[in-house]
Protein backbone atom coordinates (compact mmCIF):
# COMPACT_ATOMS: atom_id res chain seq x y z
CA MET A 1 89.71 78.15 168.83
CA MET A 2 93.45 78.47 169.37
CA LEU A 3 93.83 74.70 169.38
CA LEU A 4 91.80 74.45 166.20
CA LEU A 5 94.02 76.95 164.39
CA GLY A 6 97.10 75.30 165.85
CA LEU A 7 96.28 72.05 164.10
CA GLN A 8 96.12 73.59 160.66
CA ASN A 9 99.03 72.87 158.38
CA GLY A 10 101.56 75.32 156.98
CA SER A 11 102.88 76.70 160.28
CA ALA A 12 106.65 76.66 160.76
CA GLN A 13 108.30 74.61 163.47
CA ALA A 14 105.43 72.21 164.05
CA LYS A 15 105.71 70.87 167.60
CA TYR A 16 103.23 67.98 167.54
CA ASP A 17 105.85 65.70 169.16
CA TYR A 18 106.92 68.00 171.99
CA THR A 19 105.22 66.07 174.84
CA TRP A 20 106.29 62.51 175.70
CA ILE A 21 104.44 60.60 178.42
CA PHE A 22 105.51 57.49 180.33
CA GLY A 23 103.66 55.69 183.13
CA ALA A 24 104.08 52.65 185.39
CA ASN A 25 102.38 51.20 188.44
CA THR A 26 104.08 51.51 191.79
CA SER A 27 103.72 49.62 195.02
CA THR A 28 104.63 52.59 197.23
CA MET A 29 102.20 55.21 195.98
CA PRO A 30 98.51 55.02 195.03
CA GLY A 31 97.45 55.08 191.40
CA VAL A 32 99.96 55.30 188.58
CA GLU A 33 103.13 57.34 188.63
CA GLY A 34 104.08 58.96 185.35
CA SER A 35 106.88 60.93 183.79
CA VAL A 36 106.54 63.67 181.20
CA ILE A 37 109.31 64.89 178.93
CA GLN A 38 108.39 68.39 177.79
CA PHE A 39 110.34 69.98 174.96
CA SER A 40 110.11 73.74 174.49
CA ASP A 41 112.11 76.64 173.11
CA ALA A 42 113.55 77.04 176.62
CA GLY A 43 114.98 73.52 176.66
CA VAL A 44 114.04 70.00 177.75
CA ASP A 45 112.24 69.43 181.05
CA THR A 46 111.09 66.35 182.94
CA LEU A 47 108.05 66.36 185.21
CA TYR A 48 106.46 63.90 187.60
CA GLN A 49 102.79 63.35 186.69
CA PRO A 50 100.18 61.07 188.32
CA LEU A 51 98.22 59.21 185.64
CA PRO A 52 94.83 57.47 185.68
CA SER A 53 96.22 54.39 183.91
CA LYS A 54 99.52 52.79 183.03
CA ILE A 55 101.08 53.37 179.61
CA GLY A 56 102.48 50.11 178.29
CA THR A 57 104.38 49.35 175.12
CA GLU A 58 101.68 51.11 173.11
CA ASN A 59 102.53 54.77 173.74
CA ILE A 60 100.87 57.48 171.62
CA SER A 61 100.48 61.23 172.06
CA ILE A 62 100.07 64.46 170.11
CA SER A 63 100.44 68.14 170.91
CA THR A 64 99.29 71.30 169.16
CA VAL A 65 101.47 72.96 166.57
CA ASP A 66 102.77 75.08 169.46
CA GLY A 67 103.68 72.06 171.62
CA ASP A 68 100.77 71.96 174.10
CA LEU A 69 99.47 68.47 174.85
CA ILE A 70 96.14 67.58 173.19
CA ALA A 71 95.72 63.87 173.88
CA TYR A 72 97.54 60.63 174.59
CA SER A 73 96.66 56.93 174.68
CA ASN A 74 97.85 53.48 175.67
CA ALA A 75 95.72 51.92 172.86
CA CYS A 76 93.08 51.11 175.49
CA ASP A 77 91.60 54.57 176.18
CA VAL A 78 92.19 58.18 175.13
CA TYR A 79 93.16 60.80 177.72
CA ASN A 80 93.12 64.59 177.46
CA SER A 81 95.61 67.31 178.34
CA ASP A 82 94.44 67.27 181.96
CA PHE A 83 95.52 63.61 182.20
CA GLU A 84 91.89 62.53 182.51
CA LEU A 85 89.77 60.18 180.40
CA MET A 86 88.59 62.10 177.36
CA GLU A 87 84.87 62.19 176.69
CA ASN A 88 83.97 59.04 174.69
CA GLY A 89 87.63 58.01 174.95
CA GLU A 90 87.06 54.64 176.63
CA ASP A 91 87.20 51.19 174.98
CA ILE A 92 89.65 51.75 172.16
CA ASN A 93 90.34 48.42 170.39
CA PRO A 94 87.44 46.61 172.12
CA GLY A 95 87.35 42.85 172.44
CA GLU A 96 88.94 39.94 174.25
CA VAL A 97 92.50 41.28 174.15
CA HIS A 98 91.29 44.65 175.46
CA ASN A 99 89.40 42.96 178.29
CA GLN A 100 92.42 40.87 179.25
CA GLN A 101 95.17 43.47 179.07
CA CYS A 102 93.70 46.95 179.39
CA GLU A 103 92.93 46.53 183.07
CA ASN A 104 96.68 47.03 183.47
CA GLY A 105 96.92 49.60 180.66
CA ASN A 106 99.18 47.41 178.57
CA TYR A 107 97.58 46.59 175.21
CA ALA A 108 99.46 44.00 173.19
CA GLY A 109 101.98 45.12 170.62
CA ALA A 110 104.39 48.02 170.24
CA GLN A 111 104.68 50.93 167.81
CA ASN A 112 101.28 49.95 166.37
CA SER A 113 99.53 53.32 166.67
CA LEU A 114 99.86 56.94 165.58
CA MET A 115 98.14 60.26 166.22
CA LEU A 116 98.24 62.61 163.22
CA PRO A 117 96.78 66.10 162.71
CA ASP A 118 93.83 66.19 160.33
CA PRO A 119 94.91 67.93 157.09
CA ALA A 120 91.54 69.72 157.16
CA GLY A 121 92.31 71.13 160.61
CA GLY A 122 90.35 70.92 163.84
CA GLY A 123 91.04 67.34 164.79
CA VAL A 124 93.34 64.35 165.17
CA TYR A 125 93.25 61.01 163.40
CA PHE A 126 94.11 58.20 165.83
CA PHE A 127 95.34 55.25 163.77
CA HIS A 128 95.37 52.00 165.78
CA LYS A 129 95.11 48.23 165.38
CA LEU A 130 92.75 45.76 166.99
CA ILE A 131 94.36 42.42 167.78
CA GLU A 132 91.49 40.08 167.18
CA ASN A 133 93.01 36.68 167.91
CA PHE A 134 96.21 34.74 168.25
CA PHE A 135 97.20 31.51 166.54
CA PHE A 136 99.32 28.92 168.32
CA GLY A 137 100.89 25.87 166.73
CA PRO A 138 104.03 23.70 166.76
CA ASP A 139 105.92 26.00 164.43
CA PHE A 140 103.85 29.17 164.38
CA VAL A 141 102.61 31.80 166.75
CA GLY A 142 100.96 34.83 165.28
CA GLY A 143 98.15 37.30 165.45
CA ALA A 144 95.50 38.67 163.12
CA THR A 145 94.75 42.35 163.37
CA ASN A 146 92.24 44.84 162.05
CA VAL A 147 93.25 48.39 161.20
CA LEU A 148 90.97 50.98 162.81
CA TYR A 149 90.83 54.70 163.29
CA SER A 150 89.25 57.00 165.84
CA TYR A 151 88.82 60.75 165.52
CA ILE A 152 89.46 63.38 168.19
CA ASP A 153 87.64 66.69 167.79
CA VAL A 154 89.96 69.24 169.38
CA THR A 155 87.38 71.99 169.84
CA LEU A 156 84.97 69.61 171.59
CA ASN A 157 87.80 67.84 173.45
CA GLN A 158 86.20 64.46 172.77
CA VAL A 159 86.43 61.36 170.61
CA THR A 160 83.70 61.78 167.98
CA GLU A 161 84.39 58.65 165.90
CA LYS A 162 85.70 55.46 167.45
CA ASN A 163 87.01 52.08 166.29
CA VAL A 164 86.08 52.58 162.63
CA SER A 165 87.44 49.69 160.53
CA ILE A 166 89.43 50.46 157.38
CA GLN A 167 91.19 47.10 156.81
CA SER A 168 90.88 43.60 158.27
CA ASN A 169 92.91 40.39 158.47
CA LEU A 170 96.46 41.65 158.57
CA LEU A 171 98.91 39.10 159.93
CA ASN A 172 101.77 39.64 162.39
CA THR A 173 101.82 43.43 162.25
CA SER A 174 103.50 45.03 165.23
CA GLY A 175 106.40 47.43 165.35
CA PHE A 176 106.46 48.54 161.73
CA THR A 177 103.70 51.18 161.62
CA GLU A 178 105.05 54.44 160.18
CA ALA A 179 103.64 57.67 158.76
CA ILE A 180 105.05 60.38 156.53
CA ARG A 181 103.77 63.53 154.88
CA HIS A 182 102.69 63.30 151.26
CA ALA A 183 104.90 65.24 148.86
CA ASN A 184 102.14 67.86 148.75
CA GLY A 185 103.00 68.75 152.36
CA GLN A 186 99.40 68.31 153.46
CA ASP A 187 98.17 64.71 153.29
CA TRP A 188 99.57 61.73 155.20
CA TRP A 189 100.79 58.33 154.08
CA ILE A 190 100.60 55.52 156.66
CA LEU A 191 102.60 52.36 156.01
CA GLU A 192 101.45 49.05 157.42
CA PHE A 193 102.64 45.51 156.72
CA SER A 194 101.26 41.98 156.64
CA GLN A 195 103.21 38.75 156.37
CA TRP A 196 100.96 37.65 153.56
CA ASP A 197 97.51 38.06 152.09
CA SER A 198 96.24 34.65 151.00
CA LEU A 199 93.77 36.19 148.57
CA GLU A 200 96.44 37.88 146.48
CA VAL A 201 99.92 36.50 147.04
CA THR A 202 101.63 33.43 148.44
CA GLN A 203 103.16 32.84 151.82
CA ASP A 204 106.54 33.62 150.25
CA ASP A 205 105.59 37.25 149.74
CA SER A 206 104.78 40.16 152.00
CA LEU A 207 102.49 43.09 151.50
CA MET A 208 102.83 46.75 152.34
CA TYR A 209 99.46 48.41 152.91
CA VAL A 210 99.46 52.15 152.26
CA PHE A 211 96.69 54.22 153.84
CA LYS A 212 96.09 57.86 152.99
CA ILE A 213 94.67 60.70 155.05
CA ASN A 214 93.49 63.70 153.07
CA ILE A 215 91.14 66.57 153.84
CA ASP A 216 88.13 64.30 153.31
CA SER A 217 88.87 60.92 154.90
CA ILE A 218 91.24 58.06 155.70
CA TYR A 219 91.29 55.04 153.39
CA LEU A 220 93.41 52.22 151.92
CA ASN A 221 95.17 53.74 148.91
CA HIS A 222 97.11 50.74 147.55
CA LYS A 223 99.11 47.62 148.34
CA GLN A 224 102.62 46.66 147.26
CA VAL A 225 104.41 43.32 147.39
CA ILE A 226 107.77 43.77 149.10
CA GLU A 227 110.95 41.72 149.13
CA HIS A 228 112.53 39.80 152.00
CA THR A 229 109.56 38.28 153.79
CA SER A 230 111.59 37.17 156.82
CA VAL A 231 111.46 40.71 158.26
CA LEU A 232 107.76 40.07 158.99
CA ASP A 233 108.32 36.81 160.85
CA TYR A 234 106.12 36.82 163.95
CA ARG A 235 109.15 37.23 166.22
CA CYS A 236 110.32 40.19 164.11
CA SER A 237 106.82 41.60 164.30
CA VAL A 238 107.08 41.61 168.09
CA GLY A 239 110.66 42.82 168.38
CA GLY A 240 111.44 44.86 165.26
CA GLN A 241 111.20 48.54 164.38
CA SER A 242 111.03 50.67 161.25
CA ALA A 243 111.78 54.32 160.48
CA PHE A 244 111.94 56.92 157.73
CA SER A 245 114.95 59.07 157.02
CA THR A 246 114.37 62.69 157.96
CA ASP A 247 114.14 63.72 154.29
CA GLY A 248 111.59 60.97 153.61
CA GLY A 249 113.62 59.41 150.79
CA THR A 250 114.59 56.19 152.58
CA PHE A 251 112.57 53.66 154.55
CA ALA A 252 114.24 51.10 156.81
CA MET A 253 113.08 48.02 158.70
CA TYR A 254 115.14 46.05 161.18
CA CYS A 255 114.70 42.71 162.89
CA PRO A 256 117.58 41.08 164.75
CA LEU A 257 116.62 37.72 163.25
CA SER A 258 116.62 38.93 159.65
CA GLY A 259 118.84 42.01 159.46
CA LEU A 260 118.47 45.54 158.12
CA ASP A 261 116.31 46.25 155.07
CA LEU A 262 116.50 49.56 153.21
CA TYR A 263 114.27 50.91 150.43
CA ASP A 264 113.98 54.13 148.49
CA PHE A 265 110.61 55.79 149.12
CA ASP A 266 108.64 58.06 146.78
CA ARG A 267 106.55 60.56 148.79
CA GLU A 268 104.44 61.33 145.73
CA THR A 269 103.33 57.73 145.03
CA ALA A 270 104.17 56.00 148.33
CA MET A 271 105.99 53.21 146.50
CA LEU A 272 109.13 51.38 147.66
CA SER A 273 112.06 50.58 145.34
CA ASN A 274 115.80 49.80 145.25
CA TYR A 275 115.85 47.14 147.98
CA ARG A 276 119.11 46.67 149.95
CA HIS A 277 119.91 44.30 152.81
CA LEU A 278 122.55 44.06 155.52
CA GLU A 279 123.09 41.19 157.93
CA ILE A 280 123.87 42.37 161.47
CA PRO A 281 124.95 39.78 164.08
CA SER A 282 122.50 39.34 166.94
CA THR A 283 120.98 36.82 169.31
CA TYR A 284 118.25 39.11 170.63
CA ARG A 285 114.64 39.67 169.57
CA THR A 286 113.81 43.14 170.81
CA SER A 287 115.48 45.87 168.80
CA GLY A 288 115.38 49.46 167.64
CA LEU A 289 116.19 51.58 164.60
CA CYS A 290 116.60 55.30 163.94
CA PHE A 291 118.14 57.60 161.31
CA SER A 292 120.49 60.43 162.21
CA PRO A 293 119.11 63.92 161.52
CA ASN A 294 121.51 64.36 158.57
CA ASN A 295 120.41 60.96 157.13
CA ARG A 296 123.98 59.71 156.83
CA PHE A 297 123.73 57.12 159.60
CA VAL A 298 121.26 54.45 160.61
CA TYR A 299 121.46 53.32 164.24
CA VAL A 300 120.45 49.76 165.10
CA SER A 301 120.08 48.31 168.59
CA ASN A 302 119.61 44.63 169.28
CA GLY A 303 119.58 44.03 173.01
CA ASP A 304 123.23 43.96 174.01
CA LYS A 305 124.73 45.91 171.09
CA LEU A 306 124.37 49.30 169.42
CA TRP A 307 125.47 49.62 165.79
CA GLN A 308 125.95 52.52 163.42
CA VAL A 309 125.63 52.04 159.64
CA ASP A 310 127.27 54.70 157.45
CA LEU A 311 125.10 54.99 154.34
CA GLU A 312 127.85 56.95 152.59
CA ALA A 313 130.27 54.01 152.80
CA GLU A 314 131.12 52.07 149.64
CA THR A 315 128.94 49.17 150.83
CA LEU A 316 126.53 48.71 153.72
CA ALA A 317 128.81 46.03 155.17
CA SER A 318 131.84 48.33 155.13
CA GLY A 319 129.78 51.04 156.80
CA LEU A 320 128.77 48.86 159.78
CA LEU A 321 130.41 50.00 163.02
CA LEU A 322 129.88 48.66 166.55
CA ILE A 323 129.29 51.54 168.98
CA GLU A 324 128.65 49.62 172.22
CA ASP A 325 128.56 45.96 173.25
CA GLU A 326 128.57 46.18 177.05
CA ILE A 327 125.43 46.93 179.06
CA LEU A 328 125.89 48.87 182.28
CA SER A 329 123.63 47.47 185.01
CA THR A 330 122.38 49.54 187.94
CA GLY A 331 120.12 48.52 190.78
CA GLY A 332 120.35 44.86 189.80
CA PHE A 333 118.54 45.36 186.48
CA SER A 334 120.07 45.40 183.04
CA ALA A 335 119.11 48.42 180.93
CA ASN A 336 119.49 46.78 177.54
CA PHE A 337 119.12 48.50 174.17
CA ALA A 338 115.64 48.51 172.61
CA LYS A 339 113.37 50.98 170.72
CA MET A 340 114.61 54.37 169.50
CA GLN A 341 113.02 57.73 168.65
CA LEU A 342 114.58 60.94 167.31
CA GLY A 343 113.71 63.81 169.63
CA PRO A 344 112.87 67.41 168.67
CA ASP A 345 116.29 68.30 170.14
CA CYS A 346 118.17 66.16 167.55
CA ARG A 347 119.15 63.55 170.12
CA ILE A 348 118.10 59.91 169.79
CA TYR A 349 116.32 58.47 172.83
CA MET A 350 116.36 54.73 173.49
CA ASN A 351 114.45 52.61 176.00
CA SER A 352 115.00 49.22 177.60
CA THR A 353 112.92 46.07 177.97
CA ASN A 354 113.27 46.41 181.76
CA GLN A 355 111.57 49.01 183.93
CA ARG A 356 114.06 51.81 184.42
CA PRO A 357 113.83 55.48 185.48
CA THR A 358 116.19 56.31 182.62
CA LEU A 359 116.53 56.39 178.85
CA HIS A 360 119.70 55.93 176.82
CA LEU A 361 120.90 58.88 174.72
CA ILE A 362 122.79 59.34 171.46
CA THR A 363 123.73 62.97 171.95
CA HIS A 364 125.41 63.72 168.59
CA PRO A 365 123.92 61.21 166.13
CA ASP A 366 125.26 63.10 163.06
CA GLU A 367 128.84 62.19 164.08
CA LYS A 368 130.64 59.01 163.08
CA GLY A 369 131.69 56.29 165.52
CA GLU A 370 132.20 57.07 169.18
CA ALA A 371 131.84 60.78 168.42
CA CYS A 372 128.08 60.13 168.26
CA GLY A 373 128.13 60.50 172.05
CA PHE A 374 126.24 57.44 173.24
CA ILE A 375 125.45 57.69 176.97
CA GLN A 376 123.91 54.68 178.66
CA GLN A 377 121.03 55.71 180.93
CA GLY A 378 121.96 59.30 180.11
CA PHE A 379 118.49 60.78 180.57
CA LYS A 380 116.79 60.49 183.95
CA LEU A 381 113.02 60.36 184.41
CA PRO A 382 111.17 61.12 187.66
CA HIS A 383 109.84 57.55 187.72
CA HIS A 384 110.28 54.13 186.11
CA HIS A 385 108.65 53.64 182.73
CA GLN A 386 107.10 50.45 181.41
CA PRO A 387 109.43 48.09 179.53
CA ALA A 388 109.93 49.02 175.85
CA SER A 389 107.53 51.97 176.13
CA LEU A 390 108.42 54.83 173.79
CA PRO A 391 106.24 57.23 171.76
CA ASN A 392 105.87 56.55 168.04
CA PHE A 393 106.19 59.85 166.13
CA PRO A 394 106.67 60.61 162.43
CA HIS A 395 108.95 63.43 161.28
CA PHE A 396 106.49 66.29 161.72
CA ARG A 397 108.97 68.91 160.42
CA ILE A 398 110.04 66.98 157.32
CA ASP A 399 109.46 69.92 154.94
CA GLU A 400 110.86 72.57 157.27
CA ASP A 401 114.42 73.87 157.21
CA GLU A 402 115.30 71.77 160.26
CA VAL A 403 113.67 68.46 161.16
CA CYS A 404 114.92 69.00 164.72
CA ASN A 405 116.59 71.75 166.74
CA PRO A 406 119.79 71.01 168.70
CA ASP A 407 119.47 74.38 170.44
CA LEU A 408 116.65 72.92 172.57
CA VAL A 409 119.27 71.16 174.71
CA THR A 410 120.00 74.04 177.04
CA SER A 411 119.89 74.76 180.73
CA VAL A 412 118.97 77.96 182.55
CA PHE A 413 122.62 78.92 182.06
CA GLU A 414 122.50 78.23 178.28
CA PHE A 415 124.90 75.28 178.51
CA PRO A 416 124.15 71.78 177.22
CA VAL A 417 122.32 69.61 179.71
CA GLU A 418 122.79 65.89 180.26
CA VAL A 419 120.90 64.06 182.98
CA VAL A 420 123.40 61.53 184.25
CA LYS A 421 122.47 60.64 187.81
CA GLY A 422 120.17 61.25 190.73
CA LEU A 423 120.81 63.00 194.01
CA ASP A 424 121.62 61.54 197.41
CA VAL A 425 118.70 62.82 199.52
CA HIS A 426 117.89 61.73 203.08
CA PRO A 427 115.76 61.00 204.94
CA ASN A 428 113.34 60.05 202.18
CA PRO A 429 110.41 59.97 202.88
CA THR A 430 110.70 62.94 205.23
CA SER A 431 108.40 64.78 207.63
CA GLY A 432 110.29 68.03 207.13
CA ASP A 433 114.09 67.98 207.33
CA LEU A 434 115.87 67.03 204.11
CA THR A 435 119.59 66.82 203.41
CA ILE A 436 120.91 66.79 199.85
CA ASP A 437 124.49 65.58 199.38
CA LEU A 438 125.64 66.99 196.06
CA PRO A 439 127.90 64.77 193.95
CA GLU A 440 130.37 67.64 193.49
CA VAL A 441 130.83 71.27 194.44
CA ILE A 442 128.11 73.06 192.48
CA THR A 443 127.29 76.64 191.69
CA GLY A 444 123.87 76.80 190.12
CA LEU A 445 120.18 76.55 190.87
CA LEU A 446 118.07 74.17 192.94
CA SER A 447 114.35 73.95 192.27
CA MET A 448 111.53 71.80 193.64
CA ARG A 449 108.25 70.99 191.87
CA ASP A 450 105.06 69.44 193.12
CA VAL A 451 103.14 66.70 191.27
CA THR A 452 101.44 69.25 189.00
CA GLY A 453 104.81 70.58 187.81
CA GLN A 454 104.44 73.82 189.76
CA VAL A 455 107.71 75.20 191.10
CA VAL A 456 107.32 75.51 194.87
CA MET A 457 110.90 76.38 195.81
CA THR A 458 114.07 77.76 194.21
CA LEU A 459 117.47 78.21 195.81
CA ASP A 460 120.70 79.66 194.42
CA LEU A 461 123.75 77.48 195.05
CA ASP A 462 127.19 79.01 195.49
CA TYR A 463 129.98 76.44 195.61
CA ALA A 464 127.71 74.13 197.59
CA GLU A 465 128.51 70.54 198.58
CA GLU A 466 125.48 69.94 200.79
CA VAL A 467 122.05 71.54 201.05
CA GLU A 468 119.72 71.49 204.06
CA LEU A 469 116.03 72.06 203.30
CA ASP A 470 113.16 72.72 205.70
CA LEU A 471 110.02 71.14 204.21
CA TYR A 472 107.81 71.56 207.26
CA GLY A 473 104.51 73.06 206.17
CA TYR A 474 104.61 71.56 202.68
CA HIS A 475 101.63 69.41 201.71
CA ALA A 476 102.13 65.66 201.92
CA GLY A 477 102.94 64.08 198.57
CA MET A 478 105.60 63.62 195.91
CA TYR A 479 108.04 66.36 194.90
CA VAL A 480 110.82 66.49 192.33
CA VAL A 481 114.09 68.16 193.35
CA GLU A 482 116.34 69.32 190.51
CA VAL A 483 119.84 70.78 190.64
CA VAL A 484 121.33 72.42 187.53
CA GLY A 485 124.94 73.57 187.64
CA GLU A 486 126.26 76.58 185.77
CA SER A 487 128.24 74.33 183.43
CA GLY A 488 125.13 72.39 182.47
CA GLU A 489 125.21 69.32 184.74
CA ARG A 490 121.76 68.26 185.92
CA TYR A 491 120.59 66.03 188.76
CA VAL A 492 117.04 65.00 189.58
CA GLU A 493 115.49 63.03 192.45
CA ARG A 494 112.02 62.39 193.86
CA VAL A 495 111.20 63.23 197.48
CA VAL A 496 108.18 62.09 199.45
CA VAL A 497 106.86 64.39 202.19
CA PHE A 498 104.46 62.90 204.73
């Protein structure tokens, strides 16, 4: 019953986006190793979590209004808060593509799916897209998709409706799926795009499909022809991203091959207007886009560059500022700049198209230029995540006083936390003895968690440079060791005990 009430609308500080889940296969451990970012009023935590299946570029989750995980999906199956297959949660998006790709948990596409609380309460609408076939030709590669929904009953903890079709024959739609609250603060608008609809317009036009979720159902509300069709080129469809401003008044789409497109958006009618365009130099396909919490800046990533666009500048071109154009490589792999998502803590998180145990961070996105605080690989995860995997969340707190809360970024000592590096631990794996060489003299707290997230050890550090641990008697398995200094520095590393 508490989960049911938690999904009703009208509660302050909705925390539907407080649990982020990442997962990748590993050759050294059985099954799938996962990472969980858990936001809470106490701060931001990262946990190691074994998963039943990999989470690929399709990465979807939802929590209760209080921030407790309800369900997540990789667009192949739906899993519950115990990280187990939900009842009737198998075979999402069934068909040939599912059969080919879901064995590895990596359904085609990115940012194609959303989980949204039912305005009537008691459940979750899972909006997803079935890729039915691909077309290959000398000058064209594309895909036709069908828009589906499934429904998760929270009280029953099961999928009660599955793969229900609401629109068919969309073309080249991947990366531009977005949702926003209706102006009434209750219903949802979902924006979807198609390169063209041969029954209504020509190949020179593009269509925005607007779906509506109200207390009764989900349905296609209307279509709108939009300008600048090149943003829906098949390569843009694969590599682009879209986003709403945090006040809902502006919608943006970016593709490195076509540039940045901006529109005014009416939350009452779900219509776009006042089209603007900005060319941004790039040679890369995969990209990302995100608004700053104060809506002044749009951040654009395109592989090897991160840009900031000041929307208060006299022109879009004069507001374009290059933030970074050099990728720092570690471990032989380049962590380039890809998809972005605004976190509940007002920081922007960015992934890479390579498997990395890190995410990039924009720590102060409301500040202009270098003051935005971009840190490459500034957030460490317990394990590698799949390339370009990042949750797709709307602005759940759009009508609240704060769309995000910078006070979430705290440590146990109430100082800002940045995860910047791992720890030097040896031997690893270990049968018992473990030495931790700290990167500096630290006064703070050391903690160790098991795979369930349970804290199994804590140790106060007083001007320590090295720590010796006795792990004899601990169960064999994976543990996460974390050191947090009194000034807010944080270091995390995995340890295997055998």
